[in-house]
Structure formats: structure tokens, C-alpha cells
Amino acid sequence: MKVKIVDCQRKTHMAGETLEFQLSGVDNSFANGLRRVMLAEIPTLGIEAVTISQNTSVLADEMIAHRLGLVPLFSMKARRLNYARDCPCQGVGCEMCEIKGELHAECPANEHSVQVFVNESLVIDDPEVYPVSSEDRGIWLVTLARSQKLSLRIVIRKNIAKVHAKFMPVATVAMRYATDIVLNPEGFAKLDADKCTKWVERCPCGVFGYDSNTHQVTVRDAAACIFCRECVSTEPRSTTCRSPLCLCTA
């Protein structure tokens, strides 16, 4: 098995990171299994329990708890925490299997409203764990009107997405087959420059290129191929070229 990084866009301690890599030397079932593992079996941290002591906002307690549960957390600490089911405390809760935090927000009587953002208002006991977001201010939780208050405590635990979607470490993992393109140089040698150019232009994704100086058709960007099969033909038709000009397989 070989792994080659194609593109990696890192955003330190923020959401929105992307990673693209090529996987070779394995069959389709292994690649799809790896995709499913990345989606559902990588342990992360998530807000497991919310205890609301005061909520005078218009948003119901269960809605606030649901929103908090789906907040993504920076989860490097997950490797050092136990699963609650495997902890010596037998799931009661201790520093080896859970992290606690709290949120207190209030709108002053002299203001019309205050927006509460999780990244700004949520205080977690462990500084290594914090909400991540692609927005500068973070994730909006609720808007408090004049004199409204919100006070709650949370419990953060380690788990996997098989148990609940809030523990999913990625937004999505997509897989596509790599393209294997084989050109027929003898076929192109029998076509003039105009016909070669027209054949290259038939590809809607710009996979091929034509060099008029060397009279050669080359693969410019194989990764852009969408298997439309426009190239798998004898077009432009010629009495001197009857064999396929290109074979495109996955």
C-alpha cells in the first residue's frame, strides 16, 4: 500500500481543513473500508451531558442542549482519555474519562439583545479542549434579550461516531477511482493537426493537450477525468484510423 498526499489545506485550530491523497496497491474494498473508518471509528471528544440551571431565553432547554452537543471540539486530548465504559470509575465520571465546563451569559438591562457564541462564552476546565469553527467569532448558540440569562454546565467525553454523529471527526470522506489513460500514438500519427486539435477539444474537462510542434497528444491532467467517454472513440472519424484513439479505465 502506498499513500501520496495530493493536497493539504491546514487551518490551525479551526474548521475547514481539507486533505486529498492517492491510495495505491489496495483493492476497492480496502479503500472503502478506510473511508468508513475515518467517518465512524476515530475517537473524538463531544459534549455528552448538559445541565441547565437557568434559562430565561425564548429557546427551550432541549434545543440549547442539542446545539451544544453538535459543537465540534479540538480532540487531541482524546488519545489520553478513557472511554467512560472502560474507565476504572465504571462510568461514574472522573478526570480520566471526562472534562467539565460551564457557560454563563446575560444580557444587561440597558441593552436590546446579546448574541451568545460558544467559542467566547464556554469555559472548559482543560485548556487543550476548545470549540473549533471556521468563523472568527465561533458558533452562535442563542440570542438573549434584555435581562435574560443562561447558565449551564457541560460534561465532555470521548466516543466514536458509531455511537452518535456528534463524534464524527470529519464533515465527509469521498472516494473516487483513479484514472488510467492509455493513448494510441499510431492512431494520432495518421491524423492531421486540425483533427487532433478537435479531438483534444472534445474533452469537457481539459484532460488532454496537443503540441503542434511535435504533433503529439498528451495527457495533461488525468485527475480531471470524469469518465464521460467522449475520448473513447475513433472521432474525428477518418478512413486511415479505425482503432480507438484512447482507452480510459479506472
C-alpha atoms as a PDB file:
ATOM      1  CA  MET A   1       0.000   0.000   0.000  1.00  0.00           C
ATOM      2  CA  LYS A   2       1.251   3.457  -0.929  1.00  0.00           C
ATOM      3  CA  VAL A   3      -0.139   6.813   0.163  1.00  0.00           C
ATOM      4  CA  LYS A   4       0.704  10.046  -1.639  1.00  0.00           C
ATOM      5  CA  ILE A   5      -0.510  13.419  -0.371  1.00  0.00           C
ATOM      6  CA  VAL A   6      -2.004  15.408  -3.250  1.00  0.00           C
ATOM      7  CA  ASP A   7      -3.330  18.482  -1.448  1.00  0.00           C
ATOM      8  CA  CYS A   8      -3.475  19.565   2.184  1.00  0.00           C
ATOM      9  CA  GLN A   9      -5.049  22.830   3.324  1.00  0.00           C
ATOM     10  CA  ARG A  10      -4.399  23.344   7.015  1.00  0.00           C
ATOM     11  CA  LYS A  11      -6.145  25.880   9.216  1.00  0.00           C
ATOM     12  CA  THR A  12      -4.576  25.702  12.654  1.00  0.00           C
ATOM     13  CA  HIS A  13      -7.135  25.036  15.388  1.00  0.00           C
ATOM     14  CA  MET A  14     -10.013  25.872  13.016  1.00  0.00           C
ATOM     15  CA  ALA A  15     -12.611  24.020  10.991  1.00  0.00           C
ATOM     16  CA  GLY A  16     -12.351  23.882   7.215  1.00  0.00           C
ATOM     17  CA  GLU A  17      -9.213  21.769   6.804  1.00  0.00           C
ATOM     18  CA  THR A  18      -9.077  19.536   3.734  1.00  0.00           C
ATOM     19  CA  LEU A  19      -6.834  16.613   2.810  1.00  0.00           C
ATOM     20  CA  GLU A  20      -6.592  14.815  -0.524  1.00  0.00           C
ATOM     21  CA  PHE A  21      -4.401  11.765  -1.019  1.00  0.00           C
ATOM     22  CA  GLN A  22      -3.849   8.965  -3.533  1.00  0.00           C
ATOM     23  CA  LEU A  23      -4.054   5.387  -2.309  1.00  0.00           C
ATOM     24  CA  SER A  24      -2.471   2.664  -4.438  1.00  0.00           C
ATOM     25  CA  GLY A  25      -1.672  -1.004  -4.058  1.00  0.00           C
ATOM     26  CA  VAL A  26      -5.037  -1.887  -2.477  1.00  0.00           C
ATOM     27  CA  ASP A  27      -8.402  -3.086  -3.752  1.00  0.00           C
ATOM     28  CA  ASN A  28     -11.686  -1.188  -3.692  1.00  0.00           C
ATOM     29  CA  SER A  29     -12.991  -2.916  -0.568  1.00  0.00           C
ATOM     30  CA  PHE A  30      -9.957  -1.841   1.472  1.00  0.00           C
ATOM     31  CA  ALA A  31     -10.218   1.759   0.265  1.00  0.00           C
ATOM     32  CA  ASN A  32     -13.919   1.900   1.079  1.00  0.00           C
ATOM     33  CA  GLY A  33     -13.261   0.323   4.478  1.00  0.00           C
ATOM     34  CA  LEU A  34     -10.688   3.012   5.208  1.00  0.00           C
ATOM     35  CA  ARG A  35     -13.233   5.660   4.236  1.00  0.00           C
ATOM     36  CA  ARG A  36     -15.790   4.215   6.641  1.00  0.00           C
ATOM     37  CA  VAL A  37     -13.251   4.016   9.463  1.00  0.00           C
ATOM     38  CA  MET A  38     -12.383   7.692   9.033  1.00  0.00           C
ATOM     39  CA  LEU A  39     -16.074   8.550   9.216  1.00  0.00           C
ATOM     40  CA  ALA A  40     -17.209   6.430  12.135  1.00  0.00           C
ATOM     41  CA  GLU A  41     -14.401   4.847  14.150  1.00  0.00           C
ATOM     42  CA  ILE A  42     -11.914   7.593  15.017  1.00  0.00           C
ATOM     43  CA  PRO A  43     -12.412   8.668  18.662  1.00  0.00           C
ATOM     44  CA  THR A  44     -13.094  12.343  19.282  1.00  0.00           C
ATOM     45  CA  LEU A  45     -14.439  14.487  22.092  1.00  0.00           C
ATOM     46  CA  GLY A  46     -18.023  15.672  22.309  1.00  0.00           C
ATOM     47  CA  ILE A  47     -20.376  17.268  24.804  1.00  0.00           C
ATOM     48  CA  GLU A  48     -22.136  14.293  26.348  1.00  0.00           C
ATOM     49  CA  ALA A  49     -24.300  15.931  29.027  1.00  0.00           C
ATOM     50  CA  VAL A  50     -25.703  19.424  29.604  1.00  0.00           C
ATOM     51  CA  THR A  51     -27.153  20.585  32.923  1.00  0.00           C
ATOM     52  CA  ILE A  52     -29.046  23.868  32.599  1.00  0.00           C
ATOM     53  CA  SER A  53     -29.527  25.682  35.895  1.00  0.00           C
ATOM     54  CA  GLN A  54     -31.053  28.870  34.481  1.00  0.00           C
ATOM     55  CA  ASN A  55     -32.536  29.687  31.089  1.00  0.00           C
ATOM     56  CA  THR A  56     -34.841  32.652  30.607  1.00  0.00           C
ATOM     57  CA  SER A  57     -34.308  32.868  26.843  1.00  0.00           C
ATOM     58  CA  VAL A  58     -37.004  32.005  24.311  1.00  0.00           C
ATOM     59  CA  LEU A  59     -35.100  28.883  23.247  1.00  0.00           C
ATOM     60  CA  ALA A  60     -36.105  25.673  25.021  1.00  0.00           C
ATOM     61  CA  ASP A  61     -33.612  23.833  27.221  1.00  0.00           C
ATOM     62  CA  GLU A  62     -33.522  20.775  24.957  1.00  0.00           C
ATOM     63  CA  MET A  63     -32.751  22.912  21.891  1.00  0.00           C
ATOM     64  CA  ILE A  64     -29.792  24.552  23.618  1.00  0.00           C
ATOM     65  CA  ALA A  65     -28.518  21.161  24.794  1.00  0.00           C
ATOM     66  CA  HIS A  66     -28.872  19.760  21.265  1.00  0.00           C
ATOM     67  CA  ARG A  67     -26.922  22.655  19.757  1.00  0.00           C
ATOM     68  CA  LEU A  68     -24.143  22.274  22.304  1.00  0.00           C
ATOM     69  CA  GLY A  69     -23.936  18.548  21.643  1.00  0.00           C
ATOM     70  CA  LEU A  70     -23.161  19.158  17.965  1.00  0.00           C
ATOM     71  CA  VAL A  71     -20.366  21.667  18.631  1.00  0.00           C
ATOM     72  CA  PRO A  72     -17.057  20.226  17.288  1.00  0.00           C
ATOM     73  CA  LEU A  73     -14.210  20.202  19.795  1.00  0.00           C
ATOM     74  CA  PHE A  74     -10.442  20.129  19.341  1.00  0.00           C
ATOM     75  CA  SER A  75      -9.801  16.482  20.194  1.00  0.00           C
ATOM     76  CA  MET A  76      -6.061  15.843  20.525  1.00  0.00           C
ATOM     77  CA  LYS A  77      -6.739  15.148  24.203  1.00  0.00           C
ATOM     78  CA  ALA A  78      -8.932  12.182  23.213  1.00  0.00           C
ATOM     79  CA  ARG A  79      -5.937   9.862  22.933  1.00  0.00           C
ATOM     80  CA  ARG A  80      -5.198  10.389  26.638  1.00  0.00           C
ATOM     81  CA  LEU A  81      -8.752   9.890  27.904  1.00  0.00           C
ATOM     82  CA  ASN A  82     -10.502   6.617  28.655  1.00  0.00           C
ATOM     83  CA  TYR A  83     -13.850   5.619  27.269  1.00  0.00           C
ATOM     84  CA  ALA A  84     -16.396   6.004  30.057  1.00  0.00           C
ATOM     85  CA  ARG A  85     -17.329   2.323  29.726  1.00  0.00           C
ATOM     86  CA  ASP A  86     -13.683   1.235  30.166  1.00  0.00           C
ATOM     87  CA  CYS A  87     -12.691   3.680  32.911  1.00  0.00           C
ATOM     88  CA  PRO A  88     -11.874   2.364  36.425  1.00  0.00           C
ATOM     89  CA  CYS A  89     -14.624   4.653  37.735  1.00  0.00           C
ATOM     90  CA  GLN A  90     -17.112   2.448  35.836  1.00  0.00           C
ATOM     91  CA  GLY A  91     -18.675   5.401  34.044  1.00  0.00           C
ATOM     92  CA  VAL A  92     -19.430   7.452  37.141  1.00  0.00           C
ATOM     93  CA  GLY A  93     -17.120  10.190  35.897  1.00  0.00           C
ATOM     94  CA  CYS A  94     -13.552  11.153  36.797  1.00  0.00           C
ATOM     95  CA  GLU A  95     -10.661  13.162  35.374  1.00  0.00           C
ATOM     96  CA  MET A  96      -9.527  10.095  33.409  1.00  0.00           C
ATOM     97  CA  CYS A  97     -12.693   9.860  31.307  1.00  0.00           C
ATOM     98  CA  GLU A  98     -14.407  13.262  31.277  1.00  0.00           C
ATOM     99  CA  ILE A  99     -13.804  17.005  31.146  1.00  0.00           C
ATOM    100  CA  LYS A 100     -16.176  19.577  32.565  1.00  0.00           C
ATOM    101  CA  GLY A 101     -17.039  23.116  31.568  1.00  0.00           C
ATOM    102  CA  GLU A 102     -19.584  25.838  32.104  1.00  0.00           C
ATOM    103  CA  LEU A 103     -21.284  28.700  30.328  1.00  0.00           C
ATOM    104  CA  HIS A 104     -22.748  31.825  31.900  1.00  0.00           C
ATOM    105  CA  ALA A 105     -24.254  34.594  29.772  1.00  0.00           C
ATOM    106  CA  GLU A 106     -26.529  37.538  30.496  1.00  0.00           C
ATOM    107  CA  CYS A 107     -27.966  40.451  28.558  1.00  0.00           C
ATOM    108  CA  PRO A 108     -27.772  43.727  30.547  1.00  0.00           C
ATOM    109  CA  ALA A 109     -30.994  45.619  31.199  1.00  0.00           C
ATOM    110  CA  ASN A 110     -29.732  48.605  29.224  1.00  0.00           C
ATOM    111  CA  GLU A 111     -29.078  46.604  26.017  1.00  0.00           C
ATOM    112  CA  HIS A 112     -31.588  45.336  23.472  1.00  0.00           C
ATOM    113  CA  SER A 113     -30.007  41.911  22.882  1.00  0.00           C
ATOM    114  CA  VAL A 114     -26.762  39.957  23.134  1.00  0.00           C
ATOM    115  CA  GLN A 115     -25.581  37.149  20.877  1.00  0.00           C
ATOM    116  CA  VAL A 116     -24.005  34.236  22.735  1.00  0.00           C
ATOM    117  CA  PHE A 117     -21.197  32.438  20.895  1.00  0.00           C
ATOM    118  CA  VAL A 118     -19.885  29.123  22.170  1.00  0.00           C
ATOM    119  CA  ASN A 119     -16.241  29.955  21.461  1.00  0.00           C
ATOM    120  CA  GLU A 120     -16.448  33.132  23.532  1.00  0.00           C
ATOM    121  CA  SER A 121     -18.724  32.084  26.398  1.00  0.00           C
ATOM    122  CA  LEU A 122     -17.993  28.403  27.000  1.00  0.00           C
ATOM    123  CA  VAL A 123     -15.275  27.899  29.625  1.00  0.00           C
ATOM    124  CA  ILE A 124     -13.752  24.400  29.633  1.00  0.00           C
ATOM    125  CA  ASP A 125     -11.628  23.193  32.538  1.00  0.00           C
ATOM    126  CA  ASP A 126      -8.943  21.782  30.229  1.00  0.00           C
ATOM    127  CA  PRO A 127      -7.259  24.442  28.027  1.00  0.00           C
ATOM    128  CA  GLU A 128      -6.357  21.767  25.448  1.00  0.00           C
ATOM    129  CA  VAL A 129     -10.040  21.301  24.611  1.00  0.00           C
ATOM    130  CA  TYR A 130     -11.997  24.069  22.917  1.00  0.00           C
ATOM    131  CA  PRO A 131     -14.643  24.555  20.192  1.00  0.00           C
ATOM    132  CA  VAL A 132     -13.417  24.832  16.602  1.00  0.00           C
ATOM    133  CA  SER A 133     -15.124  26.846  13.890  1.00  0.00           C
ATOM    134  CA  SER A 134     -14.432  28.405  10.508  1.00  0.00           C
ATOM    135  CA  GLU A 135     -15.983  31.671  11.711  1.00  0.00           C
ATOM    136  CA  ASP A 136     -13.951  34.279  13.600  1.00  0.00           C
ATOM    137  CA  ARG A 137     -16.410  34.634  16.474  1.00  0.00           C
ATOM    138  CA  GLY A 138     -17.203  30.947  16.574  1.00  0.00           C
ATOM    139  CA  ILE A 139     -20.520  29.113  16.682  1.00  0.00           C
ATOM    140  CA  TRP A 140     -23.648  31.077  17.533  1.00  0.00           C
ATOM    141  CA  LEU A 141     -25.684  29.415  20.277  1.00  0.00           C
ATOM    142  CA  VAL A 142     -28.550  31.733  21.232  1.00  0.00           C
ATOM    143  CA  THR A 143     -29.554  35.396  21.358  1.00  0.00           C
ATOM    144  CA  LEU A 144     -30.533  36.776  24.756  1.00  0.00           C
ATOM    145  CA  ALA A 145     -32.984  39.650  25.023  1.00  0.00           C
ATOM    146  CA  ARG A 146     -32.930  42.359  27.694  1.00  0.00           C
ATOM    147  CA  SER A 147     -32.324  40.928  31.219  1.00  0.00           C
ATOM    148  CA  GLN A 148     -32.369  37.306  30.017  1.00  0.00           C
ATOM    149  CA  LYS A 149     -29.844  34.850  31.461  1.00  0.00           C
ATOM    150  CA  LEU A 150     -28.360  31.488  30.555  1.00  0.00           C
ATOM    151  CA  SER A 151     -26.333  29.341  32.935  1.00  0.00           C
ATOM    152  CA  LEU A 152     -25.298  25.723  32.366  1.00  0.00           C
ATOM    153  CA  ARG A 153     -22.634  23.089  32.929  1.00  0.00           C
ATOM    154  CA  ILE A 154     -21.377  20.501  30.460  1.00  0.00           C
ATOM    155  CA  VAL A 155     -19.608  17.147  30.546  1.00  0.00           C
ATOM    156  CA  ILE A 156     -17.249  16.226  27.695  1.00  0.00           C
ATOM    157  CA  ARG A 157     -16.446  12.595  26.957  1.00  0.00           C
ATOM    158  CA  LYS A 158     -14.651  10.501  24.368  1.00  0.00           C
ATOM    159  CA  ASN A 159     -16.504   8.313  21.875  1.00  0.00           C
ATOM    160  CA  ILE A 160     -16.879   7.426  18.185  1.00  0.00           C
ATOM    161  CA  ALA A 161     -19.433   8.314  15.514  1.00  0.00           C
ATOM    162  CA  LYS A 162     -20.854   4.788  15.540  1.00  0.00           C
ATOM    163  CA  VAL A 163     -22.398   5.755  18.872  1.00  0.00           C
ATOM    164  CA  HIS A 164     -23.527   9.263  17.873  1.00  0.00           C
ATOM    165  CA  ALA A 165     -22.952  11.536  14.880  1.00  0.00           C
ATOM    166  CA  LYS A 166     -21.647  14.347  17.114  1.00  0.00           C
ATOM    167  CA  PHE A 167     -18.386  12.384  17.472  1.00  0.00           C
ATOM    168  CA  MET A 168     -17.758  12.350  13.698  1.00  0.00           C
ATOM    169  CA  PRO A 169     -14.220  13.695  13.107  1.00  0.00           C
ATOM    170  CA  VAL A 170     -14.819  14.882   9.524  1.00  0.00           C
ATOM    171  CA  ALA A 171     -17.614  16.518   7.573  1.00  0.00           C
ATOM    172  CA  THR A 172     -17.348  13.953   4.780  1.00  0.00           C
ATOM    173  CA  VAL A 173     -14.948  11.488   3.180  1.00  0.00           C
ATOM    174  CA  ALA A 174     -15.345  10.943  -0.555  1.00  0.00           C
ATOM    175  CA  MET A 175     -13.592   8.349  -2.700  1.00  0.00           C
ATOM    176  CA  ARG A 176     -13.213   8.173  -6.454  1.00  0.00           C
ATOM    177  CA  TYR A 177     -11.331   5.868  -8.756  1.00  0.00           C
ATOM    178  CA  ALA A 178      -8.003   6.962 -10.199  1.00  0.00           C
ATOM    179  CA  THR A 179      -7.949   7.256 -13.979  1.00  0.00           C
ATOM    180  CA  ASP A 180      -5.670   5.123 -16.145  1.00  0.00           C
ATOM    181  CA  ILE A 181      -5.476   6.696 -19.601  1.00  0.00           C
ATOM    182  CA  VAL A 182      -3.702   4.955 -22.486  1.00  0.00           C
ATOM    183  CA  LEU A 183      -3.299   6.867 -25.757  1.00  0.00           C
ATOM    184  CA  ASN A 184      -2.831   5.334 -29.197  1.00  0.00           C
ATOM    185  CA  PRO A 185       0.137   7.186 -30.758  1.00  0.00           C
ATOM    186  CA  GLU A 186      -0.170   5.279 -34.042  1.00  0.00           C
ATOM    187  CA  GLY A 187      -3.749   6.419 -34.432  1.00  0.00           C
ATOM    188  CA  PHE A 188      -2.901  10.067 -33.800  1.00  0.00           C
ATOM    189  CA  ALA A 189       0.040   9.860 -36.232  1.00  0.00           C
ATOM    190  CA  LYS A 190      -2.458   9.200 -39.031  1.00  0.00           C
ATOM    191  CA  LEU A 191      -4.486  12.339 -38.229  1.00  0.00           C
ATOM    192  CA  ASP A 192      -3.599  15.855 -39.254  1.00  0.00           C
ATOM    193  CA  ALA A 193      -3.124  18.707 -36.776  1.00  0.00           C
ATOM    194  CA  ASP A 194      -6.649  20.044 -37.201  1.00  0.00           C
ATOM    195  CA  LYS A 195      -8.284  16.701 -36.389  1.00  0.00           C
ATOM    196  CA  CYS A 196      -6.006  16.149 -33.381  1.00  0.00           C
ATOM    197  CA  THR A 197      -6.928  19.585 -32.052  1.00  0.00           C
ATOM    198  CA  LYS A 198     -10.638  18.900 -32.474  1.00  0.00           C
ATOM    199  CA  TRP A 199     -10.274  15.564 -30.674  1.00  0.00           C
ATOM    200  CA  VAL A 200      -8.490  17.225 -27.739  1.00  0.00           C
ATOM    201  CA  GLU A 201     -11.177  19.915 -27.531  1.00  0.00           C
ATOM    202  CA  ARG A 202     -13.913  17.283 -27.251  1.00  0.00           C
ATOM    203  CA  CYS A 203     -12.904  16.586 -23.653  1.00  0.00           C
ATOM    204  CA  PRO A 204     -15.050  18.843 -21.409  1.00  0.00           C
ATOM    205  CA  CYS A 205     -12.506  18.744 -18.571  1.00  0.00           C
ATOM    206  CA  GLY A 206      -9.315  19.607 -20.436  1.00  0.00           C
ATOM    207  CA  VAL A 207      -7.639  16.282 -19.714  1.00  0.00           C
ATOM    208  CA  PHE A 208      -5.624  16.251 -22.937  1.00  0.00           C
ATOM    209  CA  GLY A 209      -3.244  18.627 -24.640  1.00  0.00           C
ATOM    210  CA  TYR A 210      -1.823  18.878 -28.149  1.00  0.00           C
ATOM    211  CA  ASP A 211       1.651  20.085 -29.110  1.00  0.00           C
ATOM    212  CA  SER A 212       1.627  21.298 -32.708  1.00  0.00           C
ATOM    213  CA  ASN A 213       5.440  21.356 -32.880  1.00  0.00           C
ATOM    214  CA  THR A 214       5.889  17.671 -32.070  1.00  0.00           C
ATOM    215  CA  HIS A 215       2.433  16.608 -33.320  1.00  0.00           C
ATOM    216  CA  GLN A 216       1.801  14.738 -30.066  1.00  0.00           C
ATOM    217  CA  VAL A 217      -1.336  14.386 -27.975  1.00  0.00           C
ATOM    218  CA  THR A 218      -0.547  14.050 -24.266  1.00  0.00           C
ATOM    219  CA  VAL A 219      -2.419  13.587 -21.002  1.00  0.00           C
ATOM    220  CA  ARG A 220      -2.355  16.971 -19.299  1.00  0.00           C
ATOM    221  CA  ASP A 221      -4.484  16.316 -16.193  1.00  0.00           C
ATOM    222  CA  ALA A 222      -5.619  12.722 -15.645  1.00  0.00           C
ATOM    223  CA  ALA A 223      -7.195  13.551 -12.275  1.00  0.00           C
ATOM    224  CA  ALA A 224      -9.744  15.799 -14.011  1.00  0.00           C
ATOM    225  CA  CYS A 225     -11.256  12.876 -15.943  1.00  0.00           C
ATOM    226  CA  ILE A 226     -14.949  12.257 -15.172  1.00  0.00           C
ATOM    227  CA  PHE A 227     -15.294   9.107 -17.329  1.00  0.00           C
ATOM    228  CA  CYS A 228     -17.636  10.797 -19.788  1.00  0.00           C
ATOM    229  CA  ARG A 229     -16.158   8.555 -22.541  1.00  0.00           C
ATOM    230  CA  GLU A 230     -16.029  11.361 -25.082  1.00  0.00           C
ATOM    231  CA  CYS A 231     -12.436  10.371 -25.789  1.00  0.00           C
ATOM    232  CA  VAL A 232     -13.071   6.629 -26.128  1.00  0.00           C
ATOM    233  CA  SER A 233     -13.910   6.661 -29.829  1.00  0.00           C
ATOM    234  CA  THR A 234     -12.347   6.945 -33.245  1.00  0.00           C
ATOM    235  CA  GLU A 235     -13.535  10.545 -33.529  1.00  0.00           C
ATOM    236  CA  PRO A 236     -12.783  12.601 -35.504  1.00  0.00           C
ATOM    237  CA  ARG A 237     -13.636   9.832 -37.953  1.00  0.00           C
ATOM    238  CA  SER A 238     -11.046   9.049 -40.574  1.00  0.00           C
ATOM    239  CA  THR A 239     -10.606   6.314 -43.153  1.00  0.00           C
ATOM    240  CA  THR A 240      -6.982   5.984 -42.045  1.00  0.00           C
ATOM    241  CA  CYS A 241      -7.682   5.471 -38.317  1.00  0.00           C
ATOM    242  CA  ARG A 242     -10.087   2.719 -37.280  1.00  0.00           C
ATOM    243  CA  SER A 243      -8.688   1.788 -33.842  1.00  0.00           C
ATOM    244  CA  PRO A 244      -9.603   3.631 -30.625  1.00  0.00           C
ATOM    245  CA  LEU A 245      -7.508   6.719 -30.024  1.00  0.00           C
ATOM    246  CA  CYS A 246      -7.763   6.388 -26.259  1.00  0.00           C
ATOM    247  CA  LEU A 247      -8.629   3.838 -23.563  1.00  0.00           C
ATOM    248  CA  CYS A 248      -9.809   5.272 -20.267  1.00  0.00           C
ATOM    249  CA  THR A 249     -10.224   2.919 -17.286  1.00  0.00           C
ATOM    250  CA  ALA A 250     -10.337   3.138 -13.502  1.00  0.00           C
END
